[in-house]
N, C-alpha and C. Protein backbone atom coordinates (compact mmCIF):
# COMPACT_ATOMS: atom_id res chain seq x y z
N UNK A 1 -10.93 -7.06 4.04
CA UNK A 1 -9.90 -6.18 4.51
C UNK A 1 -10.27 -4.73 4.16
N UNK A 2 -9.84 -3.81 5.00
CA UNK A 2 -10.18 -2.41 4.84
C UNK A 2 -8.95 -1.56 4.57
N UNK A 3 -9.16 -0.49 3.82
CA UNK A 3 -8.11 0.49 3.55
C UNK A 3 -8.46 1.78 4.27
N UNK A 4 -7.54 2.24 5.12
CA UNK A 4 -7.75 3.48 5.87
C UNK A 4 -7.43 4.67 4.97
N UNK A 5 -8.41 5.56 4.79
CA UNK A 5 -8.26 6.72 3.91
C UNK A 5 -7.89 8.00 4.65
N UNK A 6 -7.88 7.95 5.97
CA UNK A 6 -7.63 9.13 6.77
C UNK A 6 -8.88 9.58 7.47
N UNK A 7 -8.70 10.39 8.50
CA UNK A 7 -9.81 10.92 9.28
C UNK A 7 -10.78 9.84 9.73
N UNK A 8 -10.24 8.71 10.17
CA UNK A 8 -11.02 7.60 10.70
C UNK A 8 -12.01 6.99 9.71
N UNK A 9 -11.72 7.09 8.42
CA UNK A 9 -12.62 6.51 7.42
C UNK A 9 -11.91 5.38 6.69
N UNK A 10 -12.60 4.25 6.53
CA UNK A 10 -12.06 3.08 5.85
C UNK A 10 -13.06 2.56 4.83
N UNK A 11 -12.51 1.96 3.76
CA UNK A 11 -13.35 1.34 2.75
C UNK A 11 -12.80 -0.07 2.47
N UNK A 12 -13.65 -0.96 1.98
CA UNK A 12 -13.16 -2.30 1.63
C UNK A 12 -12.14 -2.23 0.48
N UNK A 13 -11.04 -2.94 0.64
CA UNK A 13 -9.99 -2.97 -0.39
C UNK A 13 -10.55 -3.48 -1.71
N UNK A 14 -11.45 -4.43 -1.65
CA UNK A 14 -12.00 -5.03 -2.87
C UNK A 14 -12.77 -4.02 -3.71
N UNK A 15 -13.18 -2.90 -3.13
CA UNK A 15 -13.94 -1.88 -3.85
C UNK A 15 -13.07 -0.89 -4.62
N UNK A 16 -11.78 -0.87 -4.34
CA UNK A 16 -10.89 0.12 -4.94
C UNK A 16 -10.62 -0.21 -6.40
N UNK A 17 -10.88 0.77 -7.26
CA UNK A 17 -10.63 0.64 -8.69
C UNK A 17 -9.35 1.38 -9.06
N UNK A 18 -9.13 2.55 -8.44
CA UNK A 18 -7.99 3.40 -8.78
C UNK A 18 -7.61 4.25 -7.59
N UNK A 19 -6.30 4.41 -7.39
CA UNK A 19 -5.78 5.37 -6.43
C UNK A 19 -4.91 6.33 -7.24
N UNK A 20 -5.21 7.62 -7.16
CA UNK A 20 -4.47 8.61 -7.96
C UNK A 20 -4.05 9.80 -7.12
N UNK A 21 -2.99 10.43 -7.56
CA UNK A 21 -2.44 11.60 -6.90
C UNK A 21 -3.06 12.86 -7.49
N UNK A 22 -3.47 13.79 -6.63
CA UNK A 22 -4.06 15.03 -7.12
C UNK A 22 -3.11 15.84 -7.99
N UNK A 23 -1.84 15.83 -7.66
CA UNK A 23 -0.88 16.63 -8.42
C UNK A 23 -0.66 16.08 -9.82
N UNK A 24 -1.03 14.83 -10.05
CA UNK A 24 -0.87 14.25 -11.38
C UNK A 24 -2.13 14.39 -12.23
N UNK A 25 -3.11 15.13 -11.73
CA UNK A 25 -4.36 15.33 -12.49
C UNK A 25 -4.30 16.63 -13.28
N UNK A 26 -3.23 16.76 -14.05
CA UNK A 26 -3.04 17.97 -14.84
C UNK A 26 -3.85 17.98 -16.14
N UNK A 27 -4.30 16.83 -16.57
CA UNK A 27 -5.01 16.78 -17.85
C UNK A 27 -6.42 17.35 -17.73
N UNK A 28 -6.90 17.88 -18.82
CA UNK A 28 -8.27 18.40 -18.86
C UNK A 28 -9.29 17.29 -18.61
N UNK A 29 -8.99 16.08 -19.12
CA UNK A 29 -9.90 14.95 -18.93
C UNK A 29 -10.05 14.60 -17.45
N UNK A 30 -8.94 14.58 -16.73
CA UNK A 30 -9.00 14.25 -15.29
C UNK A 30 -9.78 15.30 -14.52
N UNK A 31 -9.49 16.56 -14.81
CA UNK A 31 -10.20 17.65 -14.12
C UNK A 31 -11.68 17.62 -14.45
N UNK A 32 -12.01 17.35 -15.69
CA UNK A 32 -13.41 17.28 -16.12
C UNK A 32 -14.12 16.10 -15.43
N UNK A 33 -13.44 14.96 -15.34
CA UNK A 33 -13.99 13.78 -14.67
C UNK A 33 -14.31 14.10 -13.21
N UNK A 34 -13.38 14.72 -12.50
CA UNK A 34 -13.59 15.05 -11.09
C UNK A 34 -14.66 16.11 -10.91
N UNK A 35 -14.72 17.08 -11.82
CA UNK A 35 -15.74 18.12 -11.74
C UNK A 35 -17.14 17.53 -11.95
N UNK A 36 -17.26 16.66 -12.92
CA UNK A 36 -18.55 16.00 -13.17
C UNK A 36 -18.96 15.15 -11.98
N UNK A 37 -18.01 14.41 -11.42
CA UNK A 37 -18.30 13.58 -10.24
C UNK A 37 -18.76 14.45 -9.07
N UNK A 38 -18.16 15.61 -8.91
CA UNK A 38 -18.55 16.53 -7.83
C UNK A 38 -19.97 17.05 -8.07
N UNK A 39 -20.26 17.46 -9.28
CA UNK A 39 -21.58 18.00 -9.62
C UNK A 39 -22.67 16.95 -9.43
N UNK A 40 -22.33 15.69 -9.64
CA UNK A 40 -23.32 14.62 -9.53
C UNK A 40 -23.29 13.94 -8.15
N UNK A 41 -22.61 14.55 -7.21
CA UNK A 41 -22.56 14.06 -5.81
C UNK A 41 -21.96 12.68 -5.64
N UNK A 42 -20.92 12.38 -6.40
CA UNK A 42 -20.23 11.10 -6.27
C UNK A 42 -18.97 11.20 -5.42
N UNK A 43 -18.69 12.38 -4.87
CA UNK A 43 -17.45 12.59 -4.13
C UNK A 43 -17.72 12.68 -2.64
N UNK A 44 -16.92 11.91 -1.88
CA UNK A 44 -16.88 12.00 -0.43
C UNK A 44 -15.53 12.62 -0.09
N UNK A 45 -15.56 13.78 0.50
CA UNK A 45 -14.33 14.52 0.78
C UNK A 45 -13.95 14.37 2.25
N UNK A 46 -12.91 13.58 2.51
CA UNK A 46 -12.42 13.39 3.87
C UNK A 46 -11.13 14.17 4.11
N UNK A 47 -10.79 15.07 3.18
CA UNK A 47 -9.53 15.79 3.28
C UNK A 47 -9.70 17.30 3.35
N UNK A 48 -10.86 17.80 2.97
CA UNK A 48 -11.04 19.25 2.93
C UNK A 48 -10.09 19.86 1.92
N UNK A 49 -9.43 20.91 2.30
CA UNK A 49 -8.50 21.58 1.38
C UNK A 49 -7.11 20.95 1.42
N UNK A 50 -6.97 19.79 2.08
CA UNK A 50 -5.68 19.12 2.18
C UNK A 50 -5.64 17.80 1.43
N UNK A 51 -6.46 17.66 0.41
CA UNK A 51 -6.51 16.42 -0.37
C UNK A 51 -5.20 16.20 -1.11
N UNK A 52 -4.64 15.01 -0.93
CA UNK A 52 -3.42 14.63 -1.64
C UNK A 52 -3.70 13.56 -2.69
N UNK A 53 -4.80 12.83 -2.51
CA UNK A 53 -5.11 11.76 -3.44
C UNK A 53 -6.62 11.58 -3.55
N UNK A 54 -7.01 10.83 -4.57
CA UNK A 54 -8.40 10.43 -4.68
C UNK A 54 -8.47 8.96 -5.01
N UNK A 55 -9.50 8.31 -4.48
CA UNK A 55 -9.68 6.88 -4.62
C UNK A 55 -11.01 6.66 -5.33
N UNK A 56 -10.97 5.93 -6.42
CA UNK A 56 -12.17 5.67 -7.21
C UNK A 56 -12.66 4.25 -6.89
N UNK A 57 -13.96 4.15 -6.59
CA UNK A 57 -14.62 2.86 -6.44
C UNK A 57 -15.75 2.82 -7.47
N UNK A 58 -16.50 1.74 -7.49
CA UNK A 58 -17.61 1.62 -8.45
C UNK A 58 -18.67 2.70 -8.26
N UNK A 59 -18.86 3.14 -7.02
CA UNK A 59 -19.95 4.05 -6.73
C UNK A 59 -19.55 5.43 -6.23
N UNK A 60 -18.32 5.57 -5.74
CA UNK A 60 -17.92 6.80 -5.08
C UNK A 60 -16.47 7.13 -5.37
N UNK A 61 -16.16 8.42 -5.31
CA UNK A 61 -14.77 8.88 -5.35
C UNK A 61 -14.49 9.54 -4.01
N UNK A 62 -13.41 9.12 -3.38
CA UNK A 62 -13.05 9.63 -2.06
C UNK A 62 -11.81 10.51 -2.17
N UNK A 63 -11.85 11.68 -1.54
CA UNK A 63 -10.67 12.53 -1.43
C UNK A 63 -10.00 12.21 -0.10
N UNK A 64 -8.70 12.00 -0.13
CA UNK A 64 -7.97 11.61 1.06
C UNK A 64 -6.80 12.55 1.33
N UNK A 65 -6.51 12.81 2.61
CA UNK A 65 -5.34 13.62 2.96
C UNK A 65 -4.04 12.81 2.93
N UNK A 66 -4.16 11.53 2.62
CA UNK A 66 -3.00 10.63 2.59
C UNK A 66 -2.52 10.50 1.15
N UNK A 67 -1.21 10.49 0.95
CA UNK A 67 -0.66 10.43 -0.40
C UNK A 67 -1.02 9.11 -1.08
N UNK A 68 -1.08 9.16 -2.40
CA UNK A 68 -1.41 7.96 -3.18
C UNK A 68 -0.33 6.89 -2.97
N UNK A 69 0.90 7.31 -2.83
CA UNK A 69 2.00 6.36 -2.60
C UNK A 69 1.79 5.59 -1.29
N UNK A 70 1.42 6.29 -0.23
CA UNK A 70 1.17 5.65 1.06
C UNK A 70 -0.05 4.73 0.98
N UNK A 71 -1.10 5.16 0.31
CA UNK A 71 -2.29 4.32 0.16
C UNK A 71 -1.97 3.04 -0.61
N UNK A 72 -1.16 3.15 -1.67
CA UNK A 72 -0.78 1.97 -2.43
C UNK A 72 0.04 1.00 -1.57
N UNK A 73 0.93 1.55 -0.73
CA UNK A 73 1.70 0.70 0.18
C UNK A 73 0.76 -0.03 1.14
N UNK A 74 -0.24 0.67 1.64
CA UNK A 74 -1.21 0.04 2.54
C UNK A 74 -1.98 -1.06 1.81
N UNK A 75 -2.33 -0.81 0.55
CA UNK A 75 -3.04 -1.83 -0.23
C UNK A 75 -2.17 -3.08 -0.38
N UNK A 76 -0.90 -2.89 -0.69
CA UNK A 76 0.01 -4.02 -0.84
C UNK A 76 0.18 -4.77 0.47
N UNK A 77 0.26 -4.05 1.56
CA UNK A 77 0.37 -4.68 2.87
C UNK A 77 -0.85 -5.54 3.17
N UNK A 78 -2.03 -4.99 2.91
CA UNK A 78 -3.27 -5.73 3.16
C UNK A 78 -3.33 -6.95 2.25
N UNK A 79 -2.94 -6.81 1.00
CA UNK A 79 -2.97 -7.94 0.06
C UNK A 79 -2.03 -9.05 0.54
N UNK A 80 -0.88 -8.68 1.08
CA UNK A 80 0.07 -9.67 1.55
C UNK A 80 -0.41 -10.39 2.81
N UNK A 81 -1.30 -9.78 3.57
CA UNK A 81 -1.86 -10.44 4.74
C UNK A 81 -2.65 -11.67 4.35
N UNK A 82 -3.26 -11.61 3.17
CA UNK A 82 -4.08 -12.73 2.68
C UNK A 82 -3.29 -13.75 1.88
N UNK A 83 -2.01 -13.50 1.68
CA UNK A 83 -1.17 -14.35 0.85
C UNK A 83 -0.71 -15.58 1.63
N UNK A 84 -0.76 -16.73 0.98
CA UNK A 84 -0.25 -17.96 1.58
C UNK A 84 1.16 -18.24 1.07
N UNK A 85 1.96 -17.18 0.99
CA UNK A 85 3.31 -17.28 0.42
C UNK A 85 4.25 -18.01 1.36
């Protein structure tokens, strides 16, 4: 199953480690983590200056113009598609 990140880009749901909101990255540790990832070319930016969230996988961090809340809802929807409930 795939998670749509915006701008016609999708990643496998199984690869998602974390979905976070940019506005909640007020800590120095979070900013330092993202800065280091940028310097080491681990960031794929699909949002430009309109990033609302970032998605962490084992190998890449993606910037998305879609809110973290919406992405989490999409993840739950995809997970329920596979449920034999």
